Amino acid sequence: ALTGVYNILRYDGIYGNEATPLWEDTATPNAYNYSDAKGFNSI
């Protein structure tokens, strides 16, 4: 059950999916998300 609590950390929207934490920088003048993956370029 506790492992299940940890498991969410690797889910889409938290720190999982292809590159959720890396894409967050594309909402800044550091980087560009040309495909708007997960809506980061809309942000």
All heavy atoms as atom14 arrays in JSON, in Angstrom:
{
  "sequence": "ALTGVYNILRYDGIYGNEATPLWEDTATPNAYNYSDAKGFNSI",
  "atom14_mask": [
    [1, 1, 1, 1, 1, 0, 0, 0, 0, 0, 0, 0, 0, 0],
    [1, 1, 1, 1, 1, 1, 1, 1, 0, 0, 0, 0, 0, 0],
    [1, 1, 1, 1, 1, 1, 1, 0, 0, 0, 0, 0, 0, 0],
    [1, 1, 1, 1, 0, 0, 0, 0, 0, 0, 0, 0, 0, 0],
    [1, 1, 1, 1, 1, 1, 1, 0, 0, 0, 0, 0, 0, 0],
    [1, 1, 1, 1, 1, 1, 1, 1, 1, 1, 1, 1, 0, 0],
    [1, 1, 1, 1, 1, 1, 1, 1, 0, 0, 0, 0, 0, 0],
    [1, 1, 1, 1, 1, 1, 1, 1, 0, 0, 0, 0, 0, 0],
    [1, 1, 1, 1, 1, 1, 1, 1, 0, 0, 0, 0, 0, 0],
    [1, 1, 1, 1, 1, 1, 1, 1, 1, 1, 1, 0, 0, 0],
    [1, 1, 1, 1, 1, 1, 1, 1, 1, 1, 1, 1, 0, 0],
    [1, 1, 1, 1, 1, 1, 1, 1, 0, 0, 0, 0, 0, 0],
    [1, 1, 1, 1, 0, 0, 0, 0, 0, 0, 0, 0, 0, 0],
    [1, 1, 1, 1, 1, 1, 1, 1, 0, 0, 0, 0, 0, 0],
    [1, 1, 1, 1, 1, 1, 1, 1, 1, 1, 1, 1, 0, 0],
    [1, 1, 1, 1, 0, 0, 0, 0, 0, 0, 0, 0, 0, 0],
    [1, 1, 1, 1, 1, 1, 1, 1, 0, 0, 0, 0, 0, 0],
    [1, 1, 1, 1, 1, 1, 1, 1, 1, 0, 0, 0, 0, 0],
    [1, 1, 1, 1, 1, 0, 0, 0, 0, 0, 0, 0, 0, 0],
    [1, 1, 1, 1, 1, 1, 1, 0, 0, 0, 0, 0, 0, 0],
    [1, 1, 1, 1, 1, 1, 1, 0, 0, 0, 0, 0, 0, 0],
    [1, 1, 1, 1, 1, 1, 1, 1, 0, 0, 0, 0, 0, 0],
    [1, 1, 1, 1, 1, 1, 1, 1, 1, 1, 1, 1, 1, 1],
    [1, 1, 1, 1, 1, 1, 1, 1, 1, 0, 0, 0, 0, 0],
    [1, 1, 1, 1, 1, 1, 1, 1, 0, 0, 0, 0, 0, 0],
    [1, 1, 1, 1, 1, 1, 1, 0, 0, 0, 0, 0, 0, 0],
    [1, 1, 1, 1, 1, 0, 0, 0, 0, 0, 0, 0, 0, 0],
    [1, 1, 1, 1, 1, 1, 1, 0, 0, 0, 0, 0, 0, 0],
    [1, 1, 1, 1, 1, 1, 1, 0, 0, 0, 0, 0, 0, 0],
    [1, 1, 1, 1, 1, 1, 1, 1, 0, 0, 0, 0, 0, 0],
    [1, 1, 1, 1, 1, 0, 0, 0, 0, 0, 0, 0, 0, 0],
    [1, 1, 1, 1, 1, 1, 1, 1, 1, 1, 1, 1, 0, 0],
    [1, 1, 1, 1, 1, 1, 1, 1, 0, 0, 0, 0, 0, 0],
    [1, 1, 1, 1, 1, 1, 1, 1, 1, 1, 1, 1, 0, 0],
    [1, 1, 1, 1, 1, 1, 0, 0, 0, 0, 0, 0, 0, 0],
    [1, 1, 1, 1, 1, 1, 1, 1, 0, 0, 0, 0, 0, 0],
    [1, 1, 1, 1, 1, 0, 0, 0, 0, 0, 0, 0, 0, 0],
    [1, 1, 1, 1, 1, 1, 1, 1, 1, 0, 0, 0, 0, 0],
    [1, 1, 1, 1, 0, 0, 0, 0, 0, 0, 0, 0, 0, 0],
    [1, 1, 1, 1, 1, 1, 1, 1, 1, 1, 1, 0, 0, 0],
    [1, 1, 1, 1, 1, 1, 1, 1, 0, 0, 0, 0, 0, 0],
    [1, 1, 1, 1, 1, 1, 0, 0, 0, 0, 0, 0, 0, 0],
    [1, 1, 1, 1, 1, 1, 1, 1, 0, 0, 0, 0, 0, 0]
  ],
  "atom14_positions": [
    [[0.83, -1.2, 0.0], [0.0, 0.0, 0.0], [0.86, 1.26, 0.0], [0.56, 2.23, -0.7], [-0.93, -0.01, 1.21], [0.0, 0.0, 0.0], [0.0, 0.0, 0.0], [0.0, 0.0, 0.0], [0.0, 0.0, 0.0], [0.0, 0.0, 0.0], [0.0, 0.0, 0.0], [0.0, 0.0, 0.0], [0.0, 0.0, 0.0], [0.0, 0.0, 0.0]],
    [[1.95, 1.25, 0.78], [2.83, 2.41, 0.8], [3.55, 2.57, -0.54], [3.74, 3.68, -1.03], [3.85, 2.28, 1.93], [4.8, 3.47, 2.13], [4.03, 4.77, 2.35], [5.76, 3.21, 3.28], [0.0, 0.0, 0.0], [0.0, 0.0, 0.0], [0.0, 0.0, 0.0], [0.0, 0.0, 0.0], [0.0, 0.0, 0.0], [0.0, 0.0, 0.0]],
    [[3.92, 1.46, -1.15], [4.51, 1.51, -2.49], [3.56, 2.16, -3.47], [3.96, 2.93, -4.35], [4.88, 0.09, -2.97], [5.87, -0.46, -2.1], [5.41, 0.1, -4.39], [0.0, 0.0, 0.0], [0.0, 0.0, 0.0], [0.0, 0.0, 0.0], [0.0, 0.0, 0.0], [0.0, 0.0, 0.0], [0.0, 0.0, 0.0], [0.0, 0.0, 0.0]],
    [[2.27, 1.89, -3.3], [1.27, 2.53, -4.15], [1.23, 4.03, -4.0], [0.93, 4.75, -4.96], [0.0, 0.0, 0.0], [0.0, 0.0, 0.0], [0.0, 0.0, 0.0], [0.0, 0.0, 0.0], [0.0, 0.0, 0.0], [0.0, 0.0, 0.0], [0.0, 0.0, 0.0], [0.0, 0.0, 0.0], [0.0, 0.0, 0.0], [0.0, 0.0, 0.0]],
    [[1.53, 4.53, -2.81], [1.58, 5.99, -2.6], [2.76, 6.58, -3.35], [2.66, 7.62, -4.0], [1.64, 6.33, -1.1], [1.5, 7.84, -0.89], [0.55, 5.61, -0.31], [0.0, 0.0, 0.0], [0.0, 0.0, 0.0], [0.0, 0.0, 0.0], [0.0, 0.0, 0.0], [0.0, 0.0, 0.0], [0.0, 0.0, 0.0], [0.0, 0.0, 0.0]],
    [[3.91, 5.91, -3.25], [5.09, 6.35, -4.0], [4.84, 6.29, -5.51], [5.33, 7.13, -6.26], [6.28, 5.43, -3.7], [7.07, 5.74, -2.45], [6.84, 5.05, -1.27], [8.09, 6.68, -2.46], [7.58, 5.29, -0.12], [8.85, 6.93, -1.33], [8.6, 6.24, -0.16], [9.35, 6.48, 0.96], [0.0, 0.0, 0.0], [0.0, 0.0, 0.0]],
    [[4.12, 5.29, -5.95], [3.97, 5.01, -7.37], [3.42, 6.19, -8.16], [3.76, 6.4, -9.32], [3.03, 3.81, -7.55], [3.02, 3.27, -8.96], [4.05, 3.22, -9.62], [1.85, 2.87, -9.43], [0.0, 0.0, 0.0], [0.0, 0.0, 0.0], [0.0, 0.0, 0.0], [0.0, 0.0, 0.0], [0.0, 0.0, 0.0], [0.0, 0.0, 0.0]],
    [[2.6, 7.02, -7.51], [2.0, 8.17, -8.2], [3.07, 9.15, -8.64], [2.87, 9.89, -9.61], [0.98, 8.87, -7.28], [-0.13, 7.89, -6.88], [0.37, 10.09, -7.94], [-0.92, 7.34, -8.05], [0.0, 0.0, 0.0], [0.0, 0.0, 0.0], [0.0, 0.0, 0.0], [0.0, 0.0, 0.0], [0.0, 0.0, 0.0], [0.0, 0.0, 0.0]],
    [[4.22, 9.17, -7.98], [5.28, 10.09, -8.36], [5.71, 9.89, -9.81], [6.18, 10.83, -10.46], [6.5, 9.9, -7.44], [6.29, 10.24, -5.96], [7.5, 9.79, -5.15], [6.05, 11.74, -5.78], [0.0, 0.0, 0.0], [0.0, 0.0, 0.0], [0.0, 0.0, 0.0], [0.0, 0.0, 0.0], [0.0, 0.0, 0.0], [0.0, 0.0, 0.0]],
    [[5.53, 8.7, -10.34], [5.96, 8.41, -11.69], [4.81, 8.54, -12.7], [4.95, 8.14, -13.85], [6.57, 7.0, -11.77], [7.86, 6.86, -10.96], [8.7, 5.67, -11.41], [8.02, 4.41, -11.2], [7.64, 3.61, -12.2], [7.81, 3.96, -13.45], [7.05, 2.46, -11.92], [0.0, 0.0, 0.0], [0.0, 0.0, 0.0], [0.0, 0.0, 0.0]],
    [[3.71, 9.08, -12.27], [2.55, 9.24, -13.15], [2.65, 10.53, -13.97], [3.3, 11.51, -13.58], [1.26, 9.26, -12.33], [0.69, 7.9, -12.01], [1.51, 6.82, -11.73], [-0.68, 7.7, -11.96], [0.98, 5.57, -11.43], [-1.23, 6.46, -11.66], [-0.39, 5.4, -11.4], [-0.93, 4.16, -11.1], [0.0, 0.0, 0.0], [0.0, 0.0, 0.0]],
    [[1.95, 10.51, -15.09], [1.81, 11.69, -15.93], [1.23, 12.84, -15.11], [0.28, 12.67, -14.36], [0.87, 11.34, -17.08], [0.74, 12.45, -18.1], [1.49, 13.42, -18.01], [-0.13, 12.33, -18.97], [0.0, 0.0, 0.0], [0.0, 0.0, 0.0], [0.0, 0.0, 0.0], [0.0, 0.0, 0.0], [0.0, 0.0, 0.0], [0.0, 0.0, 0.0]],
    [[1.84, 14.01, -15.22], [1.39, 15.17, -14.48], [2.2, 15.43, -13.23], [2.17, 16.54, -12.7], [0.0, 0.0, 0.0], [0.0, 0.0, 0.0], [0.0, 0.0, 0.0], [0.0, 0.0, 0.0], [0.0, 0.0, 0.0], [0.0, 0.0, 0.0], [0.0, 0.0, 0.0], [0.0, 0.0, 0.0], [0.0, 0.0, 0.0], [0.0, 0.0, 0.0]],
    [[2.89, 14.41, -12.73], [3.76, 14.61, -11.56], [5.2, 14.61, -12.07], [5.64, 15.59, -12.65], [3.5, 13.53, -10.48], [2.0, 13.49, -10.14], [4.3, 13.82, -9.22], [1.44, 14.77, -9.53], [0.0, 0.0, 0.0], [0.0, 0.0, 0.0], [0.0, 0.0, 0.0], [0.0, 0.0, 0.0], [0.0, 0.0, 0.0], [0.0, 0.0, 0.0]],
    [[5.94, 13.51, -11.9], [7.3, 13.45, -12.41], [7.47, 12.37, -13.47], [8.58, 11.98, -13.79], [8.28, 13.19, -11.26], [8.27, 14.25, -10.19], [7.83, 13.97, -8.9], [8.69, 15.54, -10.47], [7.81, 14.94, -7.91], [8.68, 16.52, -9.48], [8.24, 16.22, -8.21], [8.23, 17.18, -7.25], [0.0, 0.0, 0.0], [0.0, 0.0, 0.0]],
    [[6.36, 11.87, -14.01], [6.44, 10.76, -14.92], [6.12, 11.15, -16.36], [6.37, 12.26, -16.79], [0.0, 0.0, 0.0], [0.0, 0.0, 0.0], [0.0, 0.0, 0.0], [0.0, 0.0, 0.0], [0.0, 0.0, 0.0], [0.0, 0.0, 0.0], [0.0, 0.0, 0.0], [0.0, 0.0, 0.0], [0.0, 0.0, 0.0], [0.0, 0.0, 0.0]],
    [[5.56, 10.19, -17.11], [5.33, 10.3, -18.53], [6.68, 10.43, -19.24], [7.72, 10.09, -18.69], [4.39, 11.47, -18.84], [3.83, 11.4, -20.25], [4.25, 12.16, -21.1], [2.92, 10.48, -20.5], [0.0, 0.0, 0.0], [0.0, 0.0, 0.0], [0.0, 0.0, 0.0], [0.0, 0.0, 0.0], [0.0, 0.0, 0.0], [0.0, 0.0, 0.0]],
    [[6.68, 10.91, -20.48], [7.94, 10.98, -21.22], [8.95, 11.91, -20.55], [10.11, 11.58, -20.42], [7.7, 11.44, -22.66], [6.9, 10.46, -23.5], [5.44, 10.89, -23.6], [4.94, 11.55, -22.66], [4.81, 10.57, -24.63], [0.0, 0.0, 0.0], [0.0, 0.0, 0.0], [0.0, 0.0, 0.0], [0.0, 0.0, 0.0], [0.0, 0.0, 0.0]],
    [[8.48, 13.1, -20.17], [9.44, 14.08, -19.66], [8.76, 15.21, -18.93], [9.14, 16.37, -19.06], [10.26, 14.64, -20.82], [0.0, 0.0, 0.0], [0.0, 0.0, 0.0], [0.0, 0.0, 0.0], [0.0, 0.0, 0.0], [0.0, 0.0, 0.0], [0.0, 0.0, 0.0], [0.0, 0.0, 0.0], [0.0, 0.0, 0.0], [0.0, 0.0, 0.0]],
    [[7.76, 14.93, -18.12], [7.0, 15.99, -17.46], [7.88, 17.01, -16.75], [7.73, 18.22, -16.96], [5.98, 15.4, -16.48], [5.06, 14.58, -17.21], [5.2, 16.48, -15.77], [0.0, 0.0, 0.0], [0.0, 0.0, 0.0], [0.0, 0.0, 0.0], [0.0, 0.0, 0.0], [0.0, 0.0, 0.0], [0.0, 0.0, 0.0], [0.0, 0.0, 0.0]],
    [[8.84, 16.61, -15.89], [9.62, 17.64, -15.19], [10.54, 18.43, -16.12], [10.82, 19.6, -15.86], [10.42, 16.84, -14.16], [10.48, 15.46, -14.71], [9.2, 15.25, -15.45], [0.0, 0.0, 0.0], [0.0, 0.0, 0.0], [0.0, 0.0, 0.0], [0.0, 0.0, 0.0], [0.0, 0.0, 0.0], [0.0, 0.0, 0.0], [0.0, 0.0, 0.0]],
    [[11.01, 17.79, -17.21], [11.88, 18.5, -18.13], [11.1, 19.51, -18.97], [11.6, 20.59, -19.31], [12.6, 17.52, -19.07], [13.32, 16.33, -18.43], [14.19, 15.63, -19.49], [14.17, 16.75, -17.25], [0.0, 0.0, 0.0], [0.0, 0.0, 0.0], [0.0, 0.0, 0.0], [0.0, 0.0, 0.0], [0.0, 0.0, 0.0], [0.0, 0.0, 0.0]],
    [[9.87, 19.16, -19.31], [9.05, 20.06, -20.12], [8.65, 21.32, -19.37], [8.32, 22.33, -19.99], [7.79, 19.33, -20.59], [8.02, 18.4, -21.74], [8.94, 18.53, -22.74], [7.29, 17.21, -22.02], [8.84, 17.49, -23.61], [7.84, 16.66, -23.2], [6.24, 16.54, -21.4], [7.36, 15.48, -23.77], [5.76, 15.37, -21.95], [6.32, 14.85, -23.12]],
    [[8.67, 21.29, -18.05], [8.23, 22.48, -17.3], [9.1, 23.69, -17.62], [8.62, 24.83, -17.61], [8.21, 22.21, -15.8], [7.51, 23.28, -15.01], [6.39, 22.75, -14.13], [5.91, 21.62, -14.34], [5.99, 23.47, -13.22], [0.0, 0.0, 0.0], [0.0, 0.0, 0.0], [0.0, 0.0, 0.0], [0.0, 0.0, 0.0], [0.0, 0.0, 0.0]],
    [[10.37, 23.45, -17.94], [11.24, 24.58, -18.32], [10.81, 25.21, -19.63], [11.2, 26.35, -19.93], [12.7, 24.12, -18.4], [13.55, 24.71, -17.29], [13.03, 24.85, -16.17], [14.73, 25.03, -17.54], [0.0, 0.0, 0.0], [0.0, 0.0, 0.0], [0.0, 0.0, 0.0], [0.0, 0.0, 0.0], [0.0, 0.0, 0.0], [0.0, 0.0, 0.0]],
    [[10.03, 24.49, -20.46], [9.6, 25.06, -21.74], [8.5, 26.1, -21.56], [8.12, 26.75, -22.54], [9.13, 23.95, -22.7], [7.92, 23.35, -22.22], [10.19, 22.88, -22.87], [0.0, 0.0, 0.0], [0.0, 0.0, 0.0], [0.0, 0.0, 0.0], [0.0, 0.0, 0.0], [0.0, 0.0, 0.0], [0.0, 0.0, 0.0], [0.0, 0.0, 0.0]],
    [[8.0, 26.25, -20.36], [7.05, 27.33, -20.06], [7.79, 28.6, -19.67], [7.17, 29.56, -19.19], [6.1, 26.9, -18.95], [0.0, 0.0, 0.0], [0.0, 0.0, 0.0], [0.0, 0.0, 0.0], [0.0, 0.0, 0.0], [0.0, 0.0, 0.0], [0.0, 0.0, 0.0], [0.0, 0.0, 0.0], [0.0, 0.0, 0.0], [0.0, 0.0, 0.0]],
    [[9.11, 28.63, -19.87], [9.96, 29.76, -19.51], [10.82, 30.16, -20.71], [10.86, 29.45, -21.71], [10.89, 29.39, -18.33], [12.0, 28.62, -18.83], [10.16, 28.6, -17.27], [0.0, 0.0, 0.0], [0.0, 0.0, 0.0], [0.0, 0.0, 0.0], [0.0, 0.0, 0.0], [0.0, 0.0, 0.0], [0.0, 0.0, 0.0], [0.0, 0.0, 0.0]],
    [[11.56, 31.25, -20.61], [12.47, 31.61, -21.7], [13.71, 30.74, -21.77], [14.65, 31.04, -22.51], [12.83, 33.08, -21.4], [12.58, 33.24, -19.95], [11.43, 32.33, -19.62], [0.0, 0.0, 0.0], [0.0, 0.0, 0.0], [0.0, 0.0, 0.0], [0.0, 0.0, 0.0], [0.0, 0.0, 0.0], [0.0, 0.0, 0.0], [0.0, 0.0, 0.0]],
    [[13.73, 29.66, -21.01], [14.84, 28.7, -21.12], [14.7, 27.78, -22.32], [15.7, 27.34, -22.89], [14.94, 27.83, -19.86], [15.57, 28.55, -18.69], [16.08, 29.65, -18.84], [15.51, 27.94, -17.52], [0.0, 0.0, 0.0], [0.0, 0.0, 0.0], [0.0, 0.0, 0.0], [0.0, 0.0, 0.0], [0.0, 0.0, 0.0], [0.0, 0.0, 0.0]],
    [[13.47, 27.4, -22.67], [13.3, 26.32, -23.65], [11.96, 26.44, -24.37], [11.08, 27.23, -23.98], [13.42, 24.97, -22.94], [0.0, 0.0, 0.0], [0.0, 0.0, 0.0], [0.0, 0.0, 0.0], [0.0, 0.0, 0.0], [0.0, 0.0, 0.0], [0.0, 0.0, 0.0], [0.0, 0.0, 0.0], [0.0, 0.0, 0.0], [0.0, 0.0, 0.0]],
    [[11.82, 25.61, -25.41], [10.66, 25.67, -26.31], [10.12, 24.27, -26.55], [10.88, 23.35, -26.86], [11.1, 26.31, -27.62], [10.03, 26.45, -28.67], [8.83, 27.13, -28.41], [10.23, 25.96, -29.96], [7.86, 27.28, -29.4], [9.27, 26.12, -30.95], [8.09, 26.78, -30.67], [7.14, 26.93, -31.64], [0.0, 0.0, 0.0], [0.0, 0.0, 0.0]],
    [[8.82, 24.12, -26.41], [8.14, 22.84, -26.64], [7.3, 23.0, -27.91], [6.14, 23.39, -27.85], [7.28, 22.5, -25.42], [6.64, 21.14, -25.49], [6.39, 20.61, -26.56], [6.36, 20.56, -24.32], [0.0, 0.0, 0.0], [0.0, 0.0, 0.0], [0.0, 0.0, 0.0], [0.0, 0.0, 0.0], [0.0, 0.0, 0.0], [0.0, 0.0, 0.0]],
    [[7.91, 22.69, -29.05], [7.28, 22.98, -30.34], [6.01, 22.18, -30.58], [5.12, 22.6, -31.33], [8.26, 22.72, -31.49], [8.64, 21.27, -31.66], [7.91, 20.42, -32.49], [9.74, 20.75, -30.99], [8.26, 19.09, -32.63], [10.09, 19.42, -31.12], [9.35, 18.59, -31.95], [9.7, 17.27, -32.07], [0.0, 0.0, 0.0], [0.0, 0.0, 0.0]],
    [[5.88, 21.0, -29.94], [4.7, 20.15, -30.17], [3.59, 20.42, -29.17], [2.53, 19.8, -29.26], [5.11, 18.68, -30.09], [5.41, 18.31, -28.75], [0.0, 0.0, 0.0], [0.0, 0.0, 0.0], [0.0, 0.0, 0.0], [0.0, 0.0, 0.0], [0.0, 0.0, 0.0], [0.0, 0.0, 0.0], [0.0, 0.0, 0.0], [0.0, 0.0, 0.0]],
    [[3.83, 21.33, -28.23], [2.87, 21.61, -27.16], [2.55, 20.35, -26.36], [1.4, 20.16, -25.92], [1.59, 22.23, -27.7], [0.77, 22.95, -26.63], [1.36, 23.36, -25.6], [-0.45, 23.09, -26.8], [0.0, 0.0, 0.0], [0.0, 0.0, 0.0], [0.0, 0.0, 0.0], [0.0, 0.0, 0.0], [0.0, 0.0, 0.0], [0.0, 0.0, 0.0]],
    [[3.54, 19.5, -26.16], [3.34, 18.27, -25.4], [2.81, 18.6, -24.01], [3.36, 19.42, -23.29], [4.66, 17.5, -25.27], [0.0, 0.0, 0.0], [0.0, 0.0, 0.0], [0.0, 0.0, 0.0], [0.0, 0.0, 0.0], [0.0, 0.0, 0.0], [0.0, 0.0, 0.0], [0.0, 0.0, 0.0], [0.0, 0.0, 0.0], [0.0, 0.0, 0.0]],
    [[1.67, 17.96, -23.68], [0.99, 18.13, -22.4], [0.57, 19.57, -22.13], [0.3, 19.95, -20.99], [1.85, 17.6, -21.24], [2.21, 16.14, -21.39], [0.99, 15.27, -21.56], [1.35, 13.82, -21.84], [0.16, 12.98, -22.1], [0.0, 0.0, 0.0], [0.0, 0.0, 0.0], [0.0, 0.0, 0.0], [0.0, 0.0, 0.0], [0.0, 0.0, 0.0]],
    [[0.52, 20.39, -23.17], [0.02, 21.75, -23.03], [1.04, 22.74, -22.51], [0.67, 23.89, -22.21], [0.0, 0.0, 0.0], [0.0, 0.0, 0.0], [0.0, 0.0, 0.0], [0.0, 0.0, 0.0], [0.0, 0.0, 0.0], [0.0, 0.0, 0.0], [0.0, 0.0, 0.0], [0.0, 0.0, 0.0], [0.0, 0.0, 0.0], [0.0, 0.0, 0.0]],
    [[2.32, 22.37, -22.43], [3.29, 23.29, -21.85], [3.52, 24.52, -22.7], [3.76, 25.61, -22.18], [4.62, 22.56, -21.59], [4.64, 21.78, -20.31], [4.51, 20.41, -20.31], [4.78, 22.43, -19.09], [4.53, 19.69, -19.12], [4.79, 21.73, -17.9], [4.66, 20.35, -17.91], [0.0, 0.0, 0.0], [0.0, 0.0, 0.0], [0.0, 0.0, 0.0]],
    [[3.44, 24.39, -24.03], [3.64, 25.58, -24.83], [2.42, 26.49, -24.81], [2.54, 27.71, -25.0], [3.99, 25.23, -26.28], [4.61, 26.42, -26.98], [5.66, 26.92, -26.58], [3.96, 26.91, -28.03], [0.0, 0.0, 0.0], [0.0, 0.0, 0.0], [0.0, 0.0, 0.0], [0.0, 0.0, 0.0], [0.0, 0.0, 0.0], [0.0, 0.0, 0.0]],
    [[1.24, 25.93, -24.57], [0.07, 26.79, -24.37], [0.26, 27.65, -23.13], [-0.13, 28.82, -23.1], [-1.2, 25.94, -24.25], [-1.51, 25.31, -25.47], [0.0, 0.0, 0.0], [0.0, 0.0, 0.0], [0.0, 0.0, 0.0], [0.0, 0.0, 0.0], [0.0, 0.0, 0.0], [0.0, 0.0, 0.0], [0.0, 0.0, 0.0], [0.0, 0.0, 0.0]],
    [[0.83, 27.06, -22.1], [1.14, 27.82, -20.89], [2.16, 28.89, -21.2], [2.02, 30.06, -20.8], [1.64, 26.88, -19.78], [0.55, 25.88, -19.38], [2.12, 27.68, -18.56], [1.03, 24.78, -18.45], [0.0, 0.0, 0.0], [0.0, 0.0, 0.0], [0.0, 0.0, 0.0], [0.0, 0.0, 0.0], [0.0, 0.0, 0.0], [0.0, 0.0, 0.0]]
  ]
}
